[in-house]
Amino acid sequence: NAEEAVKVPVNARHVKHMILAGCFDRIEKVGAVTERCALLERAARELGFSLSEKDFPQDMRGRHFFWSQQQIAVSGIGSIDYRRIFDNSEASGQVKGKASYLTLDEVARDENDGRRAAVCATVVDVAEHTYKDRETGSRKRFARLTLSQNNRLAECVCWNDYYMEHRTEIQSLKDRVVILTAVIRYSDYNGCNTLQTYKNSLLFIQS
């Protein structure tokens, strides 16, 4: 009623954000983050708001990482289970025998320099650069991807041959979850291990 609305000025947007943040998980017996979708749909019906296809794409509503991303966006708390994304993806079968799944923490370890890794992460930045080719003297383009696994960051360099072949795709990767294969190399420029594409690197966009 009107008196309660003054005392507790909570609107539909507040409720939506509280559901996304997991505030009602215990009382509504939500067992998995994907179950927040049904709770959100119920709230939408009762409070008169809609779940747009833009904000809540149908093909993403059944994915754990999508709801984890929503939680992090509204609350700043939470984590994405990147190993789960990898294990449940078609990519896991396609990279078998070609690369080993590694976390970004494992990529950073000295003993993994030279290994081929399959990594699942969020691309937080895509930057195009150029370098001078030693043989021809011409300028060649490449890209640096900044990858994130929750609080861990790593860089992936997409060298010219791979980058130019997949440039449109790579330019669209910011804020998307990807699975890619790359070789781990120590970088004097960065002072740590980085990921670098090779001719047959695989790239799978998950979101």
N, C-alpha and C. Protein backbone atom coordinates (compact mmCIF):
# COMPACT_ATOMS: atom_id res chain seq x y z
N ASN A 1 0.83 -1.20 0.00
CA ASN A 1 0.00 0.00 0.00
C ASN A 1 0.86 1.25 0.00
N ALA A 2 0.23 2.43 -0.10
CA ALA A 2 0.96 3.69 -0.24
C ALA A 2 1.83 3.98 0.97
N GLU A 3 1.31 3.66 2.17
CA GLU A 3 2.07 3.93 3.40
C GLU A 3 3.34 3.09 3.45
N GLU A 4 3.23 1.81 3.06
CA GLU A 4 4.40 0.94 3.03
C GLU A 4 5.40 1.39 1.98
N ALA A 5 4.91 1.90 0.87
CA ALA A 5 5.78 2.36 -0.21
C ALA A 5 6.65 3.52 0.24
N VAL A 6 6.10 4.36 1.12
CA VAL A 6 6.87 5.49 1.66
C VAL A 6 7.91 4.98 2.64
N LYS A 7 7.50 4.04 3.49
CA LYS A 7 8.42 3.50 4.50
C LYS A 7 9.53 2.68 3.85
N VAL A 8 9.18 1.89 2.84
CA VAL A 8 10.15 1.02 2.18
C VAL A 8 10.11 1.31 0.67
N PRO A 9 10.83 2.35 0.24
CA PRO A 9 10.76 2.77 -1.17
C PRO A 9 11.57 1.85 -2.09
N VAL A 10 11.16 0.59 -2.21
CA VAL A 10 11.83 -0.38 -3.07
C VAL A 10 11.05 -0.51 -4.37
N ASN A 11 11.71 -0.32 -5.50
CA ASN A 11 11.01 -0.46 -6.77
C ASN A 11 11.43 -1.75 -7.50
N ALA A 12 10.85 -1.96 -8.66
CA ALA A 12 11.11 -3.19 -9.41
C ALA A 12 12.59 -3.36 -9.75
N ARG A 13 13.25 -2.26 -10.04
CA ARG A 13 14.68 -2.32 -10.38
C ARG A 13 15.50 -2.83 -9.20
N HIS A 14 15.15 -2.36 -7.98
CA HIS A 14 15.84 -2.84 -6.78
C HIS A 14 15.66 -4.35 -6.63
N VAL A 15 14.42 -4.80 -6.80
CA VAL A 15 14.12 -6.23 -6.65
C VAL A 15 14.89 -7.05 -7.68
N LYS A 16 14.90 -6.57 -8.93
CA LYS A 16 15.63 -7.27 -9.99
C LYS A 16 17.11 -7.41 -9.64
N HIS A 17 17.71 -6.34 -9.17
CA HIS A 17 19.12 -6.37 -8.80
C HIS A 17 19.37 -7.27 -7.60
N MET A 18 18.45 -7.28 -6.66
CA MET A 18 18.60 -8.15 -5.49
C MET A 18 18.52 -9.63 -5.89
N ILE A 19 17.65 -9.94 -6.85
CA ILE A 19 17.58 -11.32 -7.35
C ILE A 19 18.88 -11.69 -8.05
N LEU A 20 19.37 -10.79 -8.91
CA LEU A 20 20.62 -11.05 -9.64
C LEU A 20 21.80 -11.21 -8.69
N ALA A 21 21.77 -10.48 -7.58
CA ALA A 21 22.87 -10.55 -6.60
C ALA A 21 22.77 -11.78 -5.71
N GLY A 22 21.65 -12.50 -5.79
CA GLY A 22 21.51 -13.72 -4.99
C GLY A 22 20.89 -13.51 -3.63
N CYS A 23 20.30 -12.34 -3.39
CA CYS A 23 19.76 -12.03 -2.06
C CYS A 23 18.61 -12.95 -1.65
N PHE A 24 17.90 -13.51 -2.64
CA PHE A 24 16.74 -14.35 -2.32
C PHE A 24 17.03 -15.84 -2.49
N ASP A 25 18.29 -16.18 -2.74
CA ASP A 25 18.63 -17.59 -3.02
C ASP A 25 18.21 -18.53 -1.89
N ARG A 26 18.51 -18.14 -0.66
CA ARG A 26 18.23 -19.05 0.46
C ARG A 26 16.73 -19.18 0.71
N ILE A 27 16.03 -18.05 0.78
CA ILE A 27 14.60 -18.09 1.11
C ILE A 27 13.77 -18.74 -0.01
N GLU A 28 14.25 -18.61 -1.26
CA GLU A 28 13.54 -19.21 -2.39
C GLU A 28 14.10 -20.58 -2.78
N LYS A 29 15.07 -21.05 -1.97
CA LYS A 29 15.68 -22.38 -2.19
C LYS A 29 16.25 -22.52 -3.61
N VAL A 30 17.00 -21.51 -4.00
CA VAL A 30 17.67 -21.53 -5.31
C VAL A 30 18.93 -22.39 -5.19
N GLY A 31 18.98 -23.48 -5.93
CA GLY A 31 20.10 -24.41 -5.82
C GLY A 31 21.25 -24.08 -6.75
N ALA A 32 20.95 -23.45 -7.89
CA ALA A 32 21.98 -23.08 -8.86
C ALA A 32 21.66 -21.69 -9.39
N VAL A 33 22.69 -20.97 -9.78
CA VAL A 33 22.48 -19.58 -10.21
C VAL A 33 21.52 -19.48 -11.40
N THR A 34 21.46 -20.53 -12.22
CA THR A 34 20.55 -20.50 -13.37
C THR A 34 19.09 -20.46 -12.94
N GLU A 35 18.81 -20.92 -11.72
CA GLU A 35 17.43 -20.92 -11.22
C GLU A 35 16.94 -19.51 -10.88
N ARG A 36 17.84 -18.55 -10.86
CA ARG A 36 17.43 -17.16 -10.64
C ARG A 36 16.57 -16.65 -11.80
N CYS A 37 16.69 -17.29 -12.95
CA CYS A 37 15.90 -16.88 -14.11
C CYS A 37 14.40 -17.04 -13.82
N ALA A 38 14.01 -18.19 -13.27
CA ALA A 38 12.60 -18.44 -12.96
C ALA A 38 12.10 -17.45 -11.91
N LEU A 39 12.97 -17.15 -10.94
CA LEU A 39 12.62 -16.19 -9.89
C LEU A 39 12.43 -14.79 -10.49
N LEU A 40 13.30 -14.45 -11.42
CA LEU A 40 13.23 -13.15 -12.08
C LEU A 40 11.96 -13.05 -12.95
N GLU A 41 11.63 -14.14 -13.62
CA GLU A 41 10.41 -14.15 -14.45
C GLU A 41 9.16 -13.97 -13.59
N ARG A 42 9.18 -14.60 -12.41
CA ARG A 42 8.04 -14.47 -11.50
C ARG A 42 7.91 -13.03 -11.00
N ALA A 43 9.05 -12.44 -10.65
CA ALA A 43 9.06 -11.05 -10.19
C ALA A 43 8.58 -10.11 -11.30
N ALA A 44 9.00 -10.40 -12.53
CA ALA A 44 8.59 -9.57 -13.68
C ALA A 44 7.07 -9.59 -13.85
N ARG A 45 6.49 -10.77 -13.70
CA ARG A 45 5.03 -10.89 -13.84
C ARG A 45 4.30 -10.11 -12.73
N GLU A 46 4.81 -10.26 -11.50
CA GLU A 46 4.12 -9.66 -10.35
C GLU A 46 4.36 -8.16 -10.23
N LEU A 47 5.53 -7.70 -10.69
CA LEU A 47 5.86 -6.28 -10.53
C LEU A 47 5.70 -5.49 -11.83
N GLY A 48 5.40 -6.18 -12.91
CA GLY A 48 5.09 -5.47 -14.15
C GLY A 48 6.27 -4.98 -14.96
N PHE A 49 7.42 -5.67 -14.88
CA PHE A 49 8.52 -5.32 -15.77
C PHE A 49 8.79 -6.50 -16.70
N SER A 50 9.59 -6.28 -17.72
CA SER A 50 9.87 -7.34 -18.69
C SER A 50 11.35 -7.66 -18.74
N LEU A 51 11.67 -8.88 -19.15
CA LEU A 51 13.06 -9.30 -19.33
C LEU A 51 13.37 -9.22 -20.82
N SER A 52 14.08 -8.17 -21.21
CA SER A 52 14.33 -7.95 -22.64
C SER A 52 15.31 -8.98 -23.19
N GLU A 53 15.17 -9.26 -24.47
CA GLU A 53 16.07 -10.19 -25.15
C GLU A 53 17.50 -9.62 -25.16
N LYS A 54 17.61 -8.31 -25.20
CA LYS A 54 18.93 -7.67 -25.20
C LYS A 54 19.67 -7.92 -23.89
N ASP A 55 18.98 -7.74 -22.77
CA ASP A 55 19.63 -7.91 -21.46
C ASP A 55 19.70 -9.36 -21.02
N PHE A 56 18.70 -10.16 -21.44
CA PHE A 56 18.64 -11.56 -21.03
C PHE A 56 18.35 -12.45 -22.25
N PRO A 57 19.37 -12.63 -23.12
CA PRO A 57 19.17 -13.43 -24.33
C PRO A 57 18.72 -14.85 -23.99
N GLN A 58 17.78 -15.36 -24.76
CA GLN A 58 17.24 -16.70 -24.50
C GLN A 58 18.33 -17.76 -24.47
N ASP A 59 19.31 -17.66 -25.39
CA ASP A 59 20.33 -18.70 -25.45
C ASP A 59 21.36 -18.61 -24.32
N MET A 60 21.27 -17.55 -23.50
CA MET A 60 22.19 -17.41 -22.37
C MET A 60 21.54 -17.74 -21.03
N ARG A 61 20.22 -17.85 -21.02
CA ARG A 61 19.51 -17.99 -19.74
C ARG A 61 19.79 -19.31 -19.02
N GLY A 62 20.24 -20.31 -19.74
CA GLY A 62 20.55 -21.59 -19.11
C GLY A 62 22.02 -21.76 -18.76
N ARG A 63 22.81 -20.70 -18.93
CA ARG A 63 24.26 -20.81 -18.71
C ARG A 63 24.67 -20.21 -17.36
N HIS A 64 25.39 -21.02 -16.60
CA HIS A 64 25.82 -20.59 -15.26
C HIS A 64 26.61 -19.28 -15.31
N PHE A 65 27.56 -19.20 -16.26
CA PHE A 65 28.45 -18.05 -16.25
C PHE A 65 27.71 -16.75 -16.53
N PHE A 66 26.63 -16.81 -17.31
CA PHE A 66 25.85 -15.61 -17.60
C PHE A 66 25.29 -15.02 -16.31
N TRP A 67 24.73 -15.88 -15.45
CA TRP A 67 24.14 -15.40 -14.19
C TRP A 67 25.21 -14.97 -13.21
N SER A 68 26.38 -15.62 -13.26
CA SER A 68 27.50 -15.17 -12.42
C SER A 68 27.96 -13.78 -12.86
N GLN A 69 27.98 -13.54 -14.18
CA GLN A 69 28.35 -12.22 -14.69
C GLN A 69 27.36 -11.16 -14.22
N GLN A 70 26.06 -11.50 -14.23
CA GLN A 70 25.05 -10.55 -13.78
C GLN A 70 25.23 -10.22 -12.30
N GLN A 71 25.55 -11.25 -11.51
CA GLN A 71 25.76 -11.04 -10.07
C GLN A 71 26.94 -10.10 -9.83
N ILE A 72 28.03 -10.36 -10.53
CA ILE A 72 29.23 -9.52 -10.37
C ILE A 72 28.93 -8.08 -10.80
N ALA A 73 28.16 -7.93 -11.88
CA ALA A 73 27.87 -6.59 -12.41
C ALA A 73 27.08 -5.74 -11.42
N VAL A 74 26.12 -6.35 -10.71
CA VAL A 74 25.27 -5.56 -9.81
C VAL A 74 25.81 -5.47 -8.39
N SER A 75 26.65 -6.44 -7.99
CA SER A 75 27.09 -6.47 -6.59
C SER A 75 28.60 -6.34 -6.40
N GLY A 76 29.36 -6.61 -7.47
CA GLY A 76 30.82 -6.60 -7.33
C GLY A 76 31.35 -7.82 -6.61
N ILE A 77 30.47 -8.77 -6.31
CA ILE A 77 30.85 -9.98 -5.58
C ILE A 77 30.49 -11.19 -6.41
N GLY A 78 31.36 -12.19 -6.37
CA GLY A 78 31.07 -13.43 -7.08
C GLY A 78 32.23 -13.84 -7.97
N SER A 79 32.11 -15.00 -8.57
CA SER A 79 33.15 -15.49 -9.46
C SER A 79 32.52 -16.35 -10.55
N ILE A 80 33.23 -16.45 -11.65
CA ILE A 80 32.78 -17.25 -12.79
C ILE A 80 33.57 -18.55 -12.81
N ASP A 81 32.89 -19.67 -12.96
CA ASP A 81 33.53 -20.98 -13.00
C ASP A 81 33.96 -21.26 -14.44
N TYR A 82 35.16 -20.79 -14.78
CA TYR A 82 35.63 -20.93 -16.16
C TYR A 82 35.91 -22.38 -16.53
N ARG A 83 36.34 -23.19 -15.57
CA ARG A 83 36.58 -24.61 -15.87
C ARG A 83 35.27 -25.29 -16.26
N ARG A 84 34.20 -24.93 -15.57
CA ARG A 84 32.89 -25.50 -15.89
C ARG A 84 32.46 -25.12 -17.31
N ILE A 85 32.70 -23.85 -17.68
CA ILE A 85 32.36 -23.41 -19.04
C ILE A 85 33.11 -24.25 -20.06
N PHE A 86 34.41 -24.44 -19.81
CA PHE A 86 35.24 -25.23 -20.73
C PHE A 86 34.75 -26.67 -20.82
N ASP A 87 34.53 -27.29 -19.66
CA ASP A 87 34.12 -28.70 -19.64
C ASP A 87 32.79 -28.93 -20.35
N ASN A 88 31.89 -27.94 -20.28
CA ASN A 88 30.57 -28.09 -20.88
C ASN A 88 30.49 -27.60 -22.32
N SER A 89 31.62 -27.17 -22.87
CA SER A 89 31.62 -26.61 -24.23
C SER A 89 32.01 -27.65 -25.27
N GLU A 90 31.63 -27.37 -26.52
CA GLU A 90 32.06 -28.21 -27.64
C GLU A 90 33.57 -28.11 -27.83
N ALA A 91 34.13 -26.99 -27.41
CA ALA A 91 35.56 -26.76 -27.59
C ALA A 91 36.41 -27.80 -26.88
N SER A 92 35.95 -28.28 -25.72
CA SER A 92 36.76 -29.21 -24.93
C SER A 92 37.12 -30.46 -25.73
N GLY A 93 36.19 -30.93 -26.56
CA GLY A 93 36.48 -32.10 -27.39
C GLY A 93 37.41 -31.77 -28.54
N GLN A 94 37.27 -30.56 -29.07
CA GLN A 94 38.07 -30.18 -30.24
C GLN A 94 39.52 -29.86 -29.90
N VAL A 95 39.79 -29.47 -28.66
CA VAL A 95 41.18 -29.14 -28.29
C VAL A 95 41.90 -30.35 -27.69
N LYS A 96 41.16 -31.43 -27.44
CA LYS A 96 41.76 -32.62 -26.84
C LYS A 96 42.91 -33.12 -27.70
N GLY A 97 44.06 -33.32 -27.08
CA GLY A 97 45.23 -33.78 -27.80
C GLY A 97 46.04 -32.67 -28.45
N LYS A 98 45.46 -31.46 -28.48
CA LYS A 98 46.16 -30.31 -29.09
C LYS A 98 46.71 -29.36 -28.03
N ALA A 99 46.01 -29.26 -26.89
CA ALA A 99 46.43 -28.34 -25.82
C ALA A 99 45.81 -28.82 -24.51
N SER A 100 46.42 -28.42 -23.40
CA SER A 100 45.91 -28.79 -22.07
C SER A 100 45.22 -27.60 -21.43
N TYR A 101 44.07 -27.86 -20.79
CA TYR A 101 43.38 -26.77 -20.09
C TYR A 101 44.25 -26.28 -18.94
N LEU A 102 44.47 -24.96 -18.90
CA LEU A 102 45.23 -24.35 -17.81
C LEU A 102 44.51 -23.09 -17.35
N THR A 103 44.58 -22.83 -16.05
CA THR A 103 44.08 -21.56 -15.53
C THR A 103 45.12 -20.48 -15.81
N LEU A 104 44.73 -19.22 -15.66
CA LEU A 104 45.70 -18.13 -15.86
C LEU A 104 46.78 -18.16 -14.79
N ASP A 105 46.45 -18.66 -13.60
CA ASP A 105 47.47 -18.85 -12.56
C ASP A 105 48.53 -19.83 -13.04
N GLU A 106 48.08 -20.91 -13.68
CA GLU A 106 49.02 -21.93 -14.17
C GLU A 106 49.82 -21.41 -15.35
N VAL A 107 49.21 -20.59 -16.19
CA VAL A 107 49.92 -19.99 -17.33
C VAL A 107 51.11 -19.18 -16.83
N ALA A 108 50.98 -18.54 -15.68
CA ALA A 108 52.02 -17.65 -15.15
C ALA A 108 53.22 -18.41 -14.59
N ARG A 109 53.09 -19.71 -14.35
CA ARG A 109 54.17 -20.46 -13.72
C ARG A 109 55.32 -20.73 -14.69
N ASP A 110 56.55 -20.58 -14.17
CA ASP A 110 57.75 -20.74 -15.00
C ASP A 110 57.80 -22.09 -15.70
N GLU A 111 57.39 -23.15 -15.00
CA GLU A 111 57.53 -24.50 -15.57
C GLU A 111 56.61 -24.74 -16.77
N ASN A 112 55.67 -23.84 -17.00
CA ASN A 112 54.75 -24.02 -18.13
C ASN A 112 55.15 -23.25 -19.38
N ASP A 113 56.29 -22.55 -19.31
CA ASP A 113 56.82 -21.85 -20.49
C ASP A 113 57.02 -22.87 -21.61
N GLY A 114 56.45 -22.60 -22.78
CA GLY A 114 56.60 -23.50 -23.92
C GLY A 114 55.44 -24.45 -24.14
N ARG A 115 54.56 -24.57 -23.16
CA ARG A 115 53.41 -25.48 -23.29
C ARG A 115 52.30 -24.85 -24.14
N ARG A 116 51.52 -25.70 -24.76
CA ARG A 116 50.32 -25.24 -25.45
C ARG A 116 49.15 -25.35 -24.48
N ALA A 117 48.47 -24.24 -24.29
CA ALA A 117 47.39 -24.18 -23.30
C ALA A 117 46.05 -23.90 -23.96
N ALA A 118 45.02 -24.50 -23.39
CA ALA A 118 43.64 -24.13 -23.72
C ALA A 118 43.14 -23.31 -22.54
N VAL A 119 42.72 -22.09 -22.81
CA VAL A 119 42.33 -21.16 -21.75
C VAL A 119 40.91 -20.68 -21.97
N CYS A 120 40.15 -20.59 -20.89
CA CYS A 120 38.81 -20.00 -20.94
C CYS A 120 38.85 -18.75 -20.07
N ALA A 121 38.46 -17.61 -20.62
CA ALA A 121 38.57 -16.35 -19.88
C ALA A 121 37.66 -15.30 -20.52
N THR A 122 37.50 -14.20 -19.81
CA THR A 122 36.78 -13.04 -20.34
C THR A 122 37.79 -12.08 -20.96
N VAL A 123 37.52 -11.61 -22.17
CA VAL A 123 38.39 -10.63 -22.82
C VAL A 123 37.99 -9.25 -22.32
N VAL A 124 38.86 -8.61 -21.56
CA VAL A 124 38.52 -7.29 -21.01
C VAL A 124 39.04 -6.14 -21.86
N ASP A 125 39.97 -6.45 -22.78
CA ASP A 125 40.46 -5.40 -23.68
C ASP A 125 41.05 -6.01 -24.94
N VAL A 126 40.87 -5.32 -26.05
CA VAL A 126 41.46 -5.70 -27.33
C VAL A 126 42.16 -4.47 -27.88
N ALA A 127 43.46 -4.57 -28.13
CA ALA A 127 44.21 -3.42 -28.63
C ALA A 127 45.03 -3.83 -29.85
N GLU A 128 44.90 -3.07 -30.93
CA GLU A 128 45.68 -3.35 -32.14
C GLU A 128 46.97 -2.55 -32.12
N HIS A 129 48.07 -3.20 -32.52
CA HIS A 129 49.38 -2.55 -32.58
C HIS A 129 50.05 -2.91 -33.91
N THR A 130 51.17 -2.27 -34.18
CA THR A 130 51.96 -2.63 -35.36
C THR A 130 53.41 -2.84 -34.95
N TYR A 131 54.11 -3.62 -35.77
CA TYR A 131 55.55 -3.80 -35.57
C TYR A 131 56.22 -3.80 -36.95
N LYS A 132 57.51 -3.57 -36.97
CA LYS A 132 58.26 -3.53 -38.23
C LYS A 132 58.81 -4.92 -38.53
N ASP A 133 58.44 -5.46 -39.68
CA ASP A 133 58.92 -6.77 -40.08
C ASP A 133 60.41 -6.70 -40.40
N ARG A 134 61.20 -7.57 -39.79
CA ARG A 134 62.66 -7.52 -39.96
C ARG A 134 63.08 -7.84 -41.39
N GLU A 135 62.35 -8.71 -42.06
CA GLU A 135 62.74 -9.13 -43.41
C GLU A 135 62.32 -8.12 -44.48
N THR A 136 61.11 -7.62 -44.39
CA THR A 136 60.59 -6.74 -45.45
C THR A 136 60.64 -5.26 -45.10
N GLY A 137 60.72 -4.96 -43.81
CA GLY A 137 60.71 -3.57 -43.38
C GLY A 137 59.33 -2.96 -43.32
N SER A 138 58.32 -3.74 -43.70
CA SER A 138 56.94 -3.23 -43.70
C SER A 138 56.34 -3.30 -42.29
N ARG A 139 55.30 -2.50 -42.07
CA ARG A 139 54.60 -2.51 -40.80
C ARG A 139 53.53 -3.60 -40.83
N LYS A 140 53.49 -4.39 -39.78
CA LYS A 140 52.49 -5.47 -39.69
C LYS A 140 51.65 -5.29 -38.44
N ARG A 141 50.40 -5.65 -38.56
CA ARG A 141 49.47 -5.48 -37.44
C ARG A 141 49.38 -6.75 -36.60
N PHE A 142 49.18 -6.54 -35.30
CA PHE A 142 48.89 -7.65 -34.39
C PHE A 142 48.00 -7.11 -33.29
N ALA A 143 47.50 -8.00 -32.45
CA ALA A 143 46.59 -7.56 -31.38
C ALA A 143 47.03 -8.12 -30.04
N ARG A 144 46.79 -7.33 -29.01
CA ARG A 144 47.01 -7.80 -27.64
C ARG A 144 45.64 -7.91 -26.97
N LEU A 145 45.34 -9.10 -26.47
CA LEU A 145 44.11 -9.32 -25.72
C LEU A 145 44.44 -9.37 -24.24
N THR A 146 43.69 -8.65 -23.43
CA THR A 146 43.82 -8.77 -21.98
C THR A 146 42.73 -9.73 -21.52
N LEU A 147 43.17 -10.84 -20.94
CA LEU A 147 42.24 -11.88 -20.49
C LEU A 147 42.07 -11.83 -18.98
N SER A 148 40.88 -12.13 -18.52
CA SER A 148 40.59 -12.11 -17.09
C SER A 148 39.89 -13.39 -16.66
N GLN A 149 40.38 -13.96 -15.55
CA GLN A 149 39.67 -15.03 -14.85
C GLN A 149 39.44 -14.52 -13.44
N ASN A 150 38.27 -13.95 -13.23
CA ASN A 150 37.96 -13.33 -11.94
C ASN A 150 39.01 -12.29 -11.59
N ASN A 151 39.89 -12.52 -10.62
CA ASN A 151 40.86 -11.48 -10.24
C ASN A 151 42.22 -11.65 -10.91
N ARG A 152 42.36 -12.59 -11.81
CA ARG A 152 43.64 -12.88 -12.45
C ARG A 152 43.64 -12.38 -13.90
N LEU A 153 44.72 -11.70 -14.30
CA LEU A 153 44.84 -11.18 -15.67
C LEU A 153 46.02 -11.82 -16.38
N ALA A 154 45.91 -11.93 -17.69
CA ALA A 154 47.03 -12.39 -18.52
C ALA A 154 46.87 -11.77 -19.90
N GLU A 155 47.95 -11.74 -20.64
CA GLU A 155 47.92 -11.17 -21.99
C GLU A 155 48.07 -12.27 -23.03
N CYS A 156 47.31 -12.13 -24.11
CA CYS A 156 47.47 -13.02 -25.25
C CYS A 156 47.80 -12.17 -26.48
N VAL A 157 48.91 -12.47 -27.12
CA VAL A 157 49.32 -11.76 -28.33
C VAL A 157 48.85 -12.56 -29.54
N CYS A 158 48.06 -11.92 -30.39
CA CYS A 158 47.61 -12.54 -31.65
C CYS A 158 48.51 -12.01 -32.76
N TRP A 159 49.46 -12.83 -33.20
CA TRP A 159 50.42 -12.37 -34.19
C TRP A 159 49.79 -12.16 -35.55
N ASN A 160 50.52 -11.46 -36.43
CA ASN A 160 49.97 -10.93 -37.68
C ASN A 160 49.22 -11.96 -38.52
N ASP A 161 49.82 -13.13 -38.76
CA ASP A 161 49.17 -14.09 -39.66
C ASP A 161 47.82 -14.53 -39.10
N TYR A 162 47.78 -14.83 -37.81
CA TYR A 162 46.53 -15.27 -37.18
C TYR A 162 45.55 -14.10 -37.05
N TYR A 163 46.08 -12.95 -36.66
CA TYR A 163 45.22 -11.78 -36.44
C TYR A 163 44.52 -11.34 -37.72
N MET A 164 45.26 -11.27 -38.82
CA MET A 164 44.66 -10.79 -40.07
C MET A 164 43.62 -11.78 -40.60
N GLU A 165 43.82 -13.06 -40.32
CA GLU A 165 42.86 -14.08 -40.75
C GLU A 165 41.56 -14.01 -39.94
N HIS A 166 41.68 -13.58 -38.67
CA HIS A 166 40.52 -13.57 -37.75
C HIS A 166 40.23 -12.16 -37.22
N ARG A 167 40.65 -11.14 -37.95
CA ARG A 167 40.61 -9.78 -37.41
C ARG A 167 39.21 -9.33 -36.98
N THR A 168 38.22 -9.52 -37.84
CA THR A 168 36.85 -9.08 -37.51
C THR A 168 36.36 -9.74 -36.23
N GLU A 169 36.61 -11.04 -36.13
CA GLU A 169 36.21 -11.81 -34.95
C GLU A 169 36.92 -11.30 -33.70
N ILE A 170 38.23 -11.11 -33.80
CA ILE A 170 39.03 -10.67 -32.65
C ILE A 170 38.62 -9.28 -32.20
N GLN A 171 38.33 -8.39 -33.15
CA GLN A 171 37.94 -7.02 -32.80
C GLN A 171 36.62 -6.97 -32.03
N SER A 172 35.83 -8.04 -32.11
CA SER A 172 34.51 -8.06 -31.45
C SER A 172 34.54 -8.74 -30.09
N LEU A 173 35.73 -9.09 -29.59
CA LEU A 173 35.81 -9.95 -28.40
C LEU A 173 35.69 -9.23 -27.06
N LYS A 174 35.79 -7.91 -27.02
CA LYS A 174 35.77 -7.21 -25.73
C LYS A 174 34.52 -7.56 -24.93
N ASP A 175 34.74 -7.91 -23.65
CA ASP A 175 33.68 -8.26 -22.69
C ASP A 175 33.02 -9.61 -22.98
N ARG A 176 33.62 -10.41 -23.84
CA ARG A 176 33.05 -11.72 -24.15
C ARG A 176 33.90 -12.84 -23.55
N VAL A 177 33.24 -13.96 -23.27
CA VAL A 177 33.94 -15.13 -22.75
C VAL A 177 34.40 -15.97 -23.94
N VAL A 178 35.68 -16.33 -23.93
CA VAL A 178 36.24 -17.11 -25.03
C VAL A 178 37.01 -18.32 -24.51
N ILE A 179 37.15 -19.28 -25.38
CA ILE A 179 38.09 -20.39 -25.17
C ILE A 179 39.07 -20.31 -26.33
N LEU A 180 40.36 -20.33 -26.03
CA LEU A 180 41.35 -20.27 -27.10
C LEU A 180 42.54 -21.15 -26.76
N THR A 181 43.25 -21.55 -27.81
CA THR A 181 44.49 -22.28 -27.60
C THR A 181 45.65 -21.39 -28.02
N ALA A 182 46.71 -21.43 -27.24
CA ALA A 182 47.88 -20.58 -27.50
C ALA A 182 49.09 -21.22 -26.83
N VAL A 183 50.26 -20.78 -27.23
CA VAL A 183 51.49 -21.28 -26.61
C VAL A 183 51.93 -20.29 -25.54
N ILE A 184 52.45 -20.81 -24.44
CA ILE A 184 52.93 -19.96 -23.34
C ILE A 184 54.38 -19.60 -23.61
N ARG A 185 54.68 -18.31 -23.62
CA ARG A 185 56.05 -17.83 -23.83
C ARG A 185 56.38 -16.77 -22.77
N TYR A 186 57.62 -16.83 -22.28
CA TYR A 186 58.06 -15.76 -21.37
C TYR A 186 58.29 -14.51 -22.21
N SER A 187 57.77 -13.39 -21.73
CA SER A 187 57.91 -12.12 -22.45
C SER A 187 58.84 -11.18 -21.69
N ASP A 188 59.95 -10.81 -22.32
CA ASP A 188 60.84 -9.81 -21.72
C ASP A 188 60.13 -8.47 -21.60
N TYR A 189 59.26 -8.19 -22.56
CA TYR A 189 58.51 -6.92 -22.58
C TYR A 189 57.60 -6.83 -21.35
N ASN A 190 56.92 -7.93 -21.03
CA ASN A 190 56.00 -7.94 -19.89
C ASN A 190 56.66 -8.37 -18.58
N GLY A 191 57.77 -9.09 -18.69
CA GLY A 191 58.42 -9.60 -17.48
C GLY A 191 57.70 -10.78 -16.86
N CYS A 192 56.90 -11.48 -17.67
CA CYS A 192 56.16 -12.65 -17.18
C CYS A 192 55.72 -13.49 -18.38
N ASN A 193 55.14 -14.63 -18.11
CA ASN A 193 54.62 -15.47 -19.18
C ASN A 193 53.41 -14.81 -19.84
N THR A 194 53.33 -14.94 -21.15
CA THR A 194 52.14 -14.49 -21.88
C THR A 194 51.69 -15.64 -22.79
N LEU A 195 50.50 -15.49 -23.32
CA LEU A 195 50.00 -16.43 -24.31
C LEU A 195 50.22 -15.85 -25.70
N GLN A 196 50.60 -16.70 -26.64
CA GLN A 196 50.81 -16.23 -28.01
C GLN A 196 50.15 -17.20 -28.98
N THR A 197 49.43 -16.65 -29.95
CA THR A 197 48.79 -17.52 -30.94
C THR A 197 49.83 -18.16 -31.83
N TYR A 198 49.45 -19.30 -32.39
CA TYR A 198 50.26 -19.96 -33.41
C TYR A 198 49.35 -20.19 -34.62
N LYS A 199 49.89 -20.72 -35.69
CA LYS A 199 49.16 -20.79 -36.96
C LYS A 199 47.79 -21.46 -36.83
N ASN A 200 47.73 -22.55 -36.06
CA ASN A 200 46.48 -23.31 -35.96
C ASN A 200 45.76 -23.10 -34.63
N SER A 201 46.01 -21.96 -33.99
CA SER A 201 45.30 -21.66 -32.73
C SER A 201 43.79 -21.72 -32.97
N LEU A 202 43.09 -22.23 -31.96
CA LEU A 202 41.63 -22.34 -32.03
C LEU A 202 40.99 -21.26 -31.18
N LEU A 203 39.88 -20.73 -31.64
CA LEU A 203 39.16 -19.69 -30.91
C LEU A 203 37.67 -20.00 -30.93
N PHE A 204 37.07 -20.04 -29.73
CA PHE A 204 35.64 -20.32 -29.59
C PHE A 204 35.03 -19.22 -28.72
N ILE A 205 34.02 -18.54 -29.25
CA ILE A 205 33.34 -17.49 -28.50
C ILE A 205 32.15 -18.10 -27.77
N GLN A 206 32.11 -17.90 -26.44
CA GLN A 206 31.07 -18.51 -25.61
C GLN A 206 29.93 -17.56 -25.29
N SER A 207 30.16 -16.26 -25.38
CA SER A 207 29.07 -15.32 -25.07
C SER A 207 29.17 -14.08 -25.96
